[in-house]
């Protein structure tokens, strides 16, 4: 029984995240605070708020085809800034 439970937990942990748990947010400007890529147009994040990827809107929508898409238009987004 213990081996069965261990195998079941391992199988559940290795399942890929459902795309519905992923959001792609696009905006005119998203500041990344990364000197190599300081500004992007899209960010993908999971239900817990962990950033999965940043980049071009079309590329992220192609990568996460089932994700929820939120377009904030001409806004500037600074992840992590809460005012």
PDB file of N, CA and C in Angstrom:
ATOM      1  N   UNK A   1       0.824  -1.201   0.000  1.00  0.00           N
ATOM      2  CA  UNK A   1       0.000   0.000   0.000  1.00  0.00           C
ATOM      3  C   UNK A   1       0.864   1.258   0.000  1.00  0.00           C
ATOM      4  N   UNK A   2       1.944   1.208   0.772  1.00  0.00           N
ATOM      5  CA  UNK A   2       2.837   2.356   0.860  1.00  0.00           C
ATOM      6  C   UNK A   2       3.478   2.644  -0.499  1.00  0.00           C
ATOM      7  N   UNK A   3       3.861   1.593  -1.238  1.00  0.00           N
ATOM      8  CA  UNK A   3       4.455   1.770  -2.564  1.00  0.00           C
ATOM      9  C   UNK A   3       3.438   2.342  -3.541  1.00  0.00           C
ATOM     10  N   UNK A   4       2.187   1.885  -3.436  1.00  0.00           N
ATOM     11  CA  UNK A   4       1.135   2.392  -4.311  1.00  0.00           C
ATOM     12  C   UNK A   4       0.900   3.878  -4.064  1.00  0.00           C
ATOM     13  N   UNK A   5       0.851   4.267  -2.805  1.00  0.00           N
ATOM     14  CA  UNK A   5       0.646   5.673  -2.458  1.00  0.00           C
ATOM     15  C   UNK A   5       1.812   6.524  -2.959  1.00  0.00           C
ATOM     16  N   UNK A   6       3.025   6.028  -2.791  1.00  0.00           N
ATOM     17  CA  UNK A   6       4.207   6.760  -3.271  1.00  0.00           C
ATOM     18  C   UNK A   6       4.162   6.926  -4.784  1.00  0.00           C
ATOM     19  N   UNK A   7       3.804   5.867  -5.494  1.00  0.00           N
ATOM     20  CA  UNK A   7       3.725   5.934  -6.950  1.00  0.00           C
ATOM     21  C   UNK A   7       2.645   6.909  -7.402  1.00  0.00           C
ATOM     22  N   UNK A   8       1.512   6.908  -6.721  1.00  0.00           N
ATOM     23  CA  UNK A   8       0.418   7.816  -7.054  1.00  0.00           C
ATOM     24  C   UNK A   8       0.826   9.267  -6.835  1.00  0.00           C
ATOM     25  N   UNK A   9       1.476   9.556  -5.718  1.00  0.00           N
ATOM     26  CA  UNK A   9       1.924  10.925  -5.439  1.00  0.00           C
ATOM     27  C   UNK A   9       2.972  11.379  -6.448  1.00  0.00           C
ATOM     28  N   UNK A  10       3.867  10.484  -6.820  1.00  0.00           N
ATOM     29  CA  UNK A  10       4.871  10.826  -7.817  1.00  0.00           C
ATOM     30  C   UNK A  10       4.228  11.112  -9.171  1.00  0.00           C
ATOM     31  N   UNK A  11       3.256  10.326  -9.557  1.00  0.00           N
ATOM     32  CA  UNK A  11       2.561  10.531 -10.832  1.00  0.00           C
ATOM     33  C   UNK A  11       1.813  11.853 -10.837  1.00  0.00           C
ATOM     34  N   UNK A  12       1.178  12.192  -9.723  1.00  0.00           N
ATOM     35  CA  UNK A  12       0.432  13.455  -9.646  1.00  0.00           C
ATOM     36  C   UNK A  12       1.380  14.648  -9.713  1.00  0.00           C
ATOM     37  N   UNK A  13       2.529  14.537  -9.080  1.00  0.00           N
ATOM     38  CA  UNK A  13       3.484  15.643  -9.052  1.00  0.00           C
ATOM     39  C   UNK A  13       4.118  15.874 -10.415  1.00  0.00           C
ATOM     40  N   UNK A  14       4.201  14.847 -11.241  1.00  0.00           N
ATOM     41  CA  UNK A  14       4.842  14.997 -12.534  1.00  0.00           C
ATOM     42  C   UNK A  14       3.897  15.413 -13.646  1.00  0.00           C
ATOM     43  N   UNK A  15       2.619  15.591 -13.344  1.00  0.00           N
ATOM     44  CA  UNK A  15       1.653  16.014 -14.358  1.00  0.00           C
ATOM     45  C   UNK A  15       1.921  17.454 -14.763  1.00  0.00           C
ATOM     46  N   UNK A  16       1.803  17.775 -16.052  1.00  0.00           N
ATOM     47  CA  UNK A  16       2.025  19.164 -16.487  1.00  0.00           C
ATOM     48  C   UNK A  16       0.905  20.071 -15.975  1.00  0.00           C
ATOM     49  N   UNK A  17       1.251  21.338 -15.818  1.00  0.00           N
ATOM     50  CA  UNK A  17       0.271  22.313 -15.367  1.00  0.00           C
ATOM     51  C   UNK A  17      -0.772  22.514 -16.464  1.00  0.00           C
ATOM     52  N   UNK A  18      -2.027  22.592 -16.080  1.00  0.00           N
ATOM     53  CA  UNK A  18      -3.080  22.842 -17.054  1.00  0.00           C
ATOM     54  C   UNK A  18      -2.938  24.259 -17.572  1.00  0.00           C
ATOM     55  N   UNK A  19      -3.125  24.439 -18.871  1.00  0.00           N
ATOM     56  CA  UNK A  19      -2.986  25.765 -19.476  1.00  0.00           C
ATOM     57  C   UNK A  19      -3.986  26.750 -18.903  1.00  0.00           C
ATOM     58  N   UNK A  20      -5.117  26.258 -18.409  1.00  0.00           N
ATOM     59  CA  UNK A  20      -6.109  27.157 -17.821  1.00  0.00           C
ATOM     60  C   UNK A  20      -5.577  27.811 -16.548  1.00  0.00           C
ATOM     61  N   UNK A  21      -4.535  27.224 -15.966  1.00  0.00           N
ATOM     62  CA  UNK A  21      -3.913  27.786 -14.772  1.00  0.00           C
ATOM     63  C   UNK A  21      -2.869  28.843 -15.118  1.00  0.00           C
ATOM     64  N   UNK A  22      -2.710  29.112 -16.399  1.00  0.00           N
ATOM     65  CA  UNK A  22      -1.698  30.056 -16.864  1.00  0.00           C
ATOM     66  C   UNK A  22      -2.386  31.278 -17.472  1.00  0.00           C
ATOM     67  N   UNK A  23      -1.838  32.445 -17.180  1.00  0.00           N
ATOM     68  CA  UNK A  23      -2.337  33.693 -17.746  1.00  0.00           C
ATOM     69  C   UNK A  23      -1.211  34.358 -18.516  1.00  0.00           C
ATOM     70  N   UNK A  24      -1.535  34.857 -19.693  1.00  0.00           N
ATOM     71  CA  UNK A  24      -0.600  35.675 -20.468  1.00  0.00           C
ATOM     72  C   UNK A  24      -1.136  37.097 -20.414  1.00  0.00           C
ATOM     73  N   UNK A  25      -0.349  37.978 -19.827  1.00  0.00           N
ATOM     74  CA  UNK A  25      -0.720  39.381 -19.725  1.00  0.00           C
ATOM     75  C   UNK A  25       0.105  40.145 -20.738  1.00  0.00           C
ATOM     76  N   UNK A  26      -0.565  40.947 -21.560  1.00  0.00           N
ATOM     77  CA  UNK A  26       0.159  41.756 -22.542  1.00  0.00           C
ATOM     78  C   UNK A  26      -0.129  43.227 -22.302  1.00  0.00           C
ATOM     79  N   UNK A  27       0.859  44.048 -22.605  1.00  0.00           N
ATOM     80  CA  UNK A  27       0.760  45.495 -22.391  1.00  0.00           C
ATOM     81  C   UNK A  27       1.723  46.198 -23.331  1.00  0.00           C
ATOM     82  N   UNK A  28       1.574  47.492 -23.428  1.00  0.00           N
ATOM     83  CA  UNK A  28       2.496  48.292 -24.238  1.00  0.00           C
ATOM     84  C   UNK A  28       3.927  48.137 -23.729  1.00  0.00           C
ATOM     85  N   UNK A  29       4.090  48.181 -22.413  1.00  0.00           N
ATOM     86  CA  UNK A  29       5.400  48.067 -21.778  1.00  0.00           C
ATOM     87  C   UNK A  29       5.287  47.250 -20.500  1.00  0.00           C
ATOM     88  N   UNK A  30       6.145  46.253 -20.377  1.00  0.00           N
ATOM     89  CA  UNK A  30       6.280  45.511 -19.126  1.00  0.00           C
ATOM     90  C   UNK A  30       7.751  45.592 -18.744  1.00  0.00           C
ATOM     91  N   UNK A  31       8.032  46.235 -17.630  1.00  0.00           N
ATOM     92  CA  UNK A  31       9.410  46.383 -17.161  1.00  0.00           C
ATOM     93  C   UNK A  31       9.819  45.119 -16.417  1.00  0.00           C
ATOM     94  N   UNK A  32      10.960  44.544 -16.806  1.00  0.00           N
ATOM     95  CA  UNK A  32      11.393  43.276 -16.232  1.00  0.00           C
ATOM     96  C   UNK A  32      12.453  43.430 -15.144  1.00  0.00           C
ATOM     97  N   UNK A  33      13.104  44.558 -15.075  1.00  0.00           N
ATOM     98  CA  UNK A  33      14.230  44.808 -14.167  1.00  0.00           C
ATOM     99  C   UNK A  33      15.417  43.890 -14.478  1.00  0.00           C
ATOM    100  N   UNK A  34      15.456  43.370 -15.697  1.00  0.00           N
ATOM    101  CA  UNK A  34      16.550  42.530 -16.180  1.00  0.00           C
ATOM    102  C   UNK A  34      17.348  43.366 -17.174  1.00  0.00           C
ATOM    103  N   UNK A  35      18.619  43.613 -16.880  1.00  0.00           N
ATOM    104  CA  UNK A  35      19.415  44.481 -17.748  1.00  0.00           C
ATOM    105  C   UNK A  35      19.572  43.903 -19.155  1.00  0.00           C
ATOM    106  N   UNK A  36      19.528  42.595 -19.290  1.00  0.00           N
ATOM    107  CA  UNK A  36      19.644  41.976 -20.608  1.00  0.00           C
ATOM    108  C   UNK A  36      18.380  42.156 -21.444  1.00  0.00           C
ATOM    109  N   UNK A  37      17.244  42.270 -20.788  1.00  0.00           N
ATOM    110  CA  UNK A  37      15.958  42.432 -21.483  1.00  0.00           C
ATOM    111  C   UNK A  37      15.048  43.284 -20.588  1.00  0.00           C
ATOM    112  N   UNK A  38      15.268  44.585 -20.571  1.00  0.00           N
ATOM    113  CA  UNK A  38      14.567  45.452 -19.614  1.00  0.00           C
ATOM    114  C   UNK A  38      13.082  45.665 -19.867  1.00  0.00           C
ATOM    115  N   UNK A  39      12.637  45.428 -21.095  1.00  0.00           N
ATOM    116  CA  UNK A  39      11.228  45.688 -21.417  1.00  0.00           C
ATOM    117  C   UNK A  39      10.712  44.640 -22.391  1.00  0.00           C
ATOM    118  N   UNK A  40       9.510  44.130 -22.131  1.00  0.00           N
ATOM    119  CA  UNK A  40       8.858  43.153 -23.002  1.00  0.00           C
ATOM    120  C   UNK A  40       7.406  43.560 -23.197  1.00  0.00           C
ATOM    121  N   UNK A  41       6.693  42.820 -24.029  1.00  0.00           N
ATOM    122  CA  UNK A  41       5.284  43.122 -24.278  1.00  0.00           C
ATOM    123  C   UNK A  41       4.344  42.110 -23.627  1.00  0.00           C
ATOM    124  N   UNK A  42       4.879  40.994 -23.119  1.00  0.00           N
ATOM    125  CA  UNK A  42       4.000  39.982 -22.520  1.00  0.00           C
ATOM    126  C   UNK A  42       4.721  39.218 -21.414  1.00  0.00           C
ATOM    127  N   UNK A  43       3.911  38.703 -20.499  1.00  0.00           N
ATOM    128  CA  UNK A  43       4.416  37.912 -19.387  1.00  0.00           C
ATOM    129  C   UNK A  43       3.430  36.778 -19.135  1.00  0.00           C
ATOM    130  N   UNK A  44       3.947  35.578 -18.941  1.00  0.00           N
ATOM    131  CA  UNK A  44       3.104  34.419 -18.626  1.00  0.00           C
ATOM    132  C   UNK A  44       3.355  34.047 -17.176  1.00  0.00           C
ATOM    133  N   UNK A  45       2.279  33.809 -16.434  1.00  0.00           N
ATOM    134  CA  UNK A  45       2.425  33.431 -15.027  1.00  0.00           C
ATOM    135  C   UNK A  45       1.382  32.388 -14.664  1.00  0.00           C
ATOM    136  N   UNK A  46       1.668  31.631 -13.598  1.00  0.00           N
ATOM    137  CA  UNK A  46       0.761  30.566 -13.180  1.00  0.00           C
ATOM    138  C   UNK A  46      -0.200  31.042 -12.105  1.00  0.00           C
ATOM    139  N   UNK A  47      -1.040  30.135 -11.627  1.00  0.00           N
ATOM    140  CA  UNK A  47      -2.082  30.473 -10.650  1.00  0.00           C
ATOM    141  C   UNK A  47      -1.511  30.959  -9.325  1.00  0.00           C
ATOM    142  N   UNK A  48      -0.269  30.585  -9.016  1.00  0.00           N
ATOM    143  CA  UNK A  48       0.370  31.040  -7.780  1.00  0.00           C
ATOM    144  C   UNK A  48       1.113  32.353  -7.966  1.00  0.00           C
ATOM    145  N   UNK A  49       1.143  32.866  -9.193  1.00  0.00           N
ATOM    146  CA  UNK A  49       1.807  34.131  -9.475  1.00  0.00           C
ATOM    147  C   UNK A  49       3.258  33.989  -9.899  1.00  0.00           C
ATOM    148  N   UNK A  50       3.738  32.770 -10.038  1.00  0.00           N
ATOM    149  CA  UNK A  50       5.123  32.566 -10.475  1.00  0.00           C
ATOM    150  C   UNK A  50       5.250  32.895 -11.954  1.00  0.00           C
ATOM    151  N   UNK A  51       6.250  33.671 -12.302  1.00  0.00           N
ATOM    152  CA  UNK A  51       6.478  34.042 -13.690  1.00  0.00           C
ATOM    153  C   UNK A  51       7.082  32.855 -14.428  1.00  0.00           C
ATOM    154  N   UNK A  52       6.441  32.475 -15.525  1.00  0.00           N
ATOM    155  CA  UNK A  52       6.889  31.341 -16.328  1.00  0.00           C
ATOM    156  C   UNK A  52       7.748  31.772 -17.500  1.00  0.00           C
ATOM    157  N   UNK A  53       7.393  32.891 -18.125  1.00  0.00           N
ATOM    158  CA  UNK A  53       8.124  33.362 -19.300  1.00  0.00           C
ATOM    159  C   UNK A  53       7.779  34.820 -19.551  1.00  0.00           C
ATOM    160  N   UNK A  54       8.694  35.513 -20.206  1.00  0.00           N
ATOM    161  CA  UNK A  54       8.456  36.889 -20.659  1.00  0.00           C
ATOM    162  C   UNK A  54       8.869  36.975 -22.111  1.00  0.00           C
ATOM    163  N   UNK A  55       8.293  37.925 -22.835  1.00  0.00           N
ATOM    164  CA  UNK A  55       8.691  38.094 -24.229  1.00  0.00           C
ATOM    165  C   UNK A  55       7.643  38.749 -25.076  1.00  0.00           C
ATOM    166  N   UNK A  56       7.627  38.369 -26.331  1.00  0.00           N
ATOM    167  CA  UNK A  56       6.700  38.877 -27.331  1.00  0.00           C
ATOM    168  C   UNK A  56       5.311  38.264 -27.123  1.00  0.00           C
ATOM    169  N   UNK A  57       4.272  39.044 -27.280  1.00  0.00           N
ATOM    170  CA  UNK A  57       2.901  38.571 -27.072  1.00  0.00           C
ATOM    171  C   UNK A  57       2.565  37.376 -27.950  1.00  0.00           C
ATOM    172  N   UNK A  58       2.850  37.469 -29.241  1.00  0.00           N
ATOM    173  CA  UNK A  58       2.517  36.376 -30.163  1.00  0.00           C
ATOM    174  C   UNK A  58       3.235  35.083 -29.783  1.00  0.00           C
ATOM    175  N   UNK A  59       4.494  35.203 -29.372  1.00  0.00           N
ATOM    176  CA  UNK A  59       5.268  34.007 -29.007  1.00  0.00           C
ATOM    177  C   UNK A  59       4.704  33.334 -27.765  1.00  0.00           C
ATOM    178  N   UNK A  60       4.332  34.129 -26.763  1.00  0.00           N
ATOM    179  CA  UNK A  60       3.787  33.535 -25.537  1.00  0.00           C
ATOM    180  C   UNK A  60       2.395  32.958 -25.761  1.00  0.00           C
ATOM    181  N   UNK A  61       1.589  33.608 -26.581  1.00  0.00           N
ATOM    182  CA  UNK A  61       0.260  33.056 -26.883  1.00  0.00           C
ATOM    183  C   UNK A  61       0.379  31.762 -27.691  1.00  0.00           C
ATOM    184  N   UNK A  62       1.393  31.669 -28.538  1.00  0.00           N
ATOM    185  CA  UNK A  62       1.617  30.423 -29.286  1.00  0.00           C
ATOM    186  C   UNK A  62       2.119  29.321 -28.357  1.00  0.00           C
ATOM    187  N   UNK A  63       2.955  29.693 -27.416  1.00  0.00           N
ATOM    188  CA  UNK A  63       3.515  28.712 -26.465  1.00  0.00           C
ATOM    189  C   UNK A  63       2.463  28.212 -25.482  1.00  0.00           C
ATOM    190  N   UNK A  64       1.605  29.097 -25.006  1.00  0.00           N
ATOM    191  CA  UNK A  64       0.559  28.762 -24.031  1.00  0.00           C
ATOM    192  C   UNK A  64      -0.809  28.980 -24.691  1.00  0.00           C
ATOM    193  N   UNK A  65      -1.159  28.118 -25.615  1.00  0.00           N
ATOM    194  CA  UNK A  65      -2.344  28.304 -26.449  1.00  0.00           C
ATOM    195  C   UNK A  65      -3.656  28.273 -25.666  1.00  0.00           C
ATOM    196  N   UNK A  66      -3.731  27.553 -24.589  1.00  0.00           N
ATOM    197  CA  UNK A  66      -4.966  27.462 -23.808  1.00  0.00           C
ATOM    198  C   UNK A  66      -5.003  28.446 -22.639  1.00  0.00           C
ATOM    199  N   UNK A  67      -4.001  29.280 -22.525  1.00  0.00           N
ATOM    200  CA  UNK A  67      -3.917  30.223 -21.408  1.00  0.00           C
ATOM    201  C   UNK A  67      -4.960  31.327 -21.538  1.00  0.00           C
ATOM    202  N   UNK A  68      -5.326  31.876 -20.407  1.00  0.00           N
ATOM    203  CA  UNK A  68      -6.185  33.059 -20.389  1.00  0.00           C
ATOM    204  C   UNK A  68      -5.318  34.235 -20.835  1.00  0.00           C
ATOM    205  N   UNK A  69      -5.866  35.101 -21.699  1.00  0.00           N
ATOM    206  CA  UNK A  69      -5.113  36.263 -22.185  1.00  0.00           C
ATOM    207  C   UNK A  69      -5.762  37.526 -21.643  1.00  0.00           C
ATOM    208  N   UNK A  70      -4.953  38.340 -20.979  1.00  0.00           N
ATOM    209  CA  UNK A  70      -5.399  39.630 -20.463  1.00  0.00           C
ATOM    210  C   UNK A  70      -4.561  40.698 -21.147  1.00  0.00           C
ATOM    211  N   UNK A  71      -5.206  41.547 -21.929  1.00  0.00           N
ATOM    212  CA  UNK A  71      -4.517  42.634 -22.618  1.00  0.00           C
ATOM    213  C   UNK A  71      -4.882  43.940 -21.934  1.00  0.00           C
ATOM    214  N   UNK A  72      -3.889  44.621 -21.390  1.00  0.00           N
ATOM    215  CA  UNK A  72      -4.152  45.885 -20.703  1.00  0.00           C
ATOM    216  C   UNK A  72      -3.824  47.090 -21.577  1.00  0.00           C
ATOM    217  N   UNK A  73      -3.697  46.850 -22.881  1.00  0.00           N
ATOM    218  CA  UNK A  73      -3.554  47.928 -23.852  1.00  0.00           C
ATOM    219  C   UNK A  73      -2.288  48.741 -23.706  1.00  0.00           C
ATOM    220  N   UNK A  74      -2.449  50.039 -23.606  1.00  0.00           N
ATOM    221  CA  UNK A  74      -1.321  50.978 -23.577  1.00  0.00           C
ATOM    222  C   UNK A  74      -0.695  51.137 -22.192  1.00  0.00           C
ATOM    223  N   UNK A  75      -1.110  50.335 -21.238  1.00  0.00           N
ATOM    224  CA  UNK A  75      -0.607  50.470 -19.856  1.00  0.00           C
ATOM    225  C   UNK A  75       0.861  50.056 -19.740  1.00  0.00           C
ATOM    226  N   UNK A  76       1.484  50.551 -18.695  1.00  0.00           N
ATOM    227  CA  UNK A  76       2.821  50.118 -18.309  1.00  0.00           C
ATOM    228  C   UNK A  76       2.672  49.218 -17.103  1.00  0.00           C
ATOM    229  N   UNK A  77       3.316  48.041 -17.151  1.00  0.00           N
ATOM    230  CA  UNK A  77       3.219  47.066 -16.062  1.00  0.00           C
ATOM    231  C   UNK A  77       4.594  46.905 -15.439  1.00  0.00           C
ATOM    232  N   UNK A  78       4.615  46.941 -14.112  1.00  0.00           N
ATOM    233  CA  UNK A  78       5.843  46.676 -13.365  1.00  0.00           C
ATOM    234  C   UNK A  78       5.524  45.529 -12.408  1.00  0.00           C
ATOM    235  N   UNK A  79       5.871  44.285 -12.783  1.00  0.00           N
ATOM    236  CA  UNK A  79       5.548  43.136 -11.930  1.00  0.00           C
ATOM    237  C   UNK A  79       6.086  43.299 -10.518  1.00  0.00           C
ATOM    238  N   UNK A  80       5.262  42.964  -9.549  1.00  0.00           N
ATOM    239  CA  UNK A  80       5.662  43.023  -8.151  1.00  0.00           C
ATOM    240  C   UNK A  80       5.381  44.348  -7.490  1.00  0.00           C
ATOM    241  N   UNK A  81       5.080  45.382  -8.252  1.00  0.00           N
ATOM    242  CA  UNK A  81       4.800  46.690  -7.670  1.00  0.00           C
ATOM    243  C   UNK A  81       3.329  46.767  -7.293  1.00  0.00           C
ATOM    244  N   UNK A  82       3.072  46.967  -6.023  1.00  0.00           N
ATOM    245  CA  UNK A  82       1.701  47.094  -5.532  1.00  0.00           C
ATOM    246  C   UNK A  82       1.574  48.478  -4.917  1.00  0.00           C
ATOM    247  N   UNK A  83       0.648  49.259  -5.471  1.00  0.00           N
ATOM    248  CA  UNK A  83       0.486  50.610  -4.909  1.00  0.00           C
ATOM    249  C   UNK A  83      -0.878  50.812  -4.326  1.00  0.00           C
TER     250      UNK A  83
END
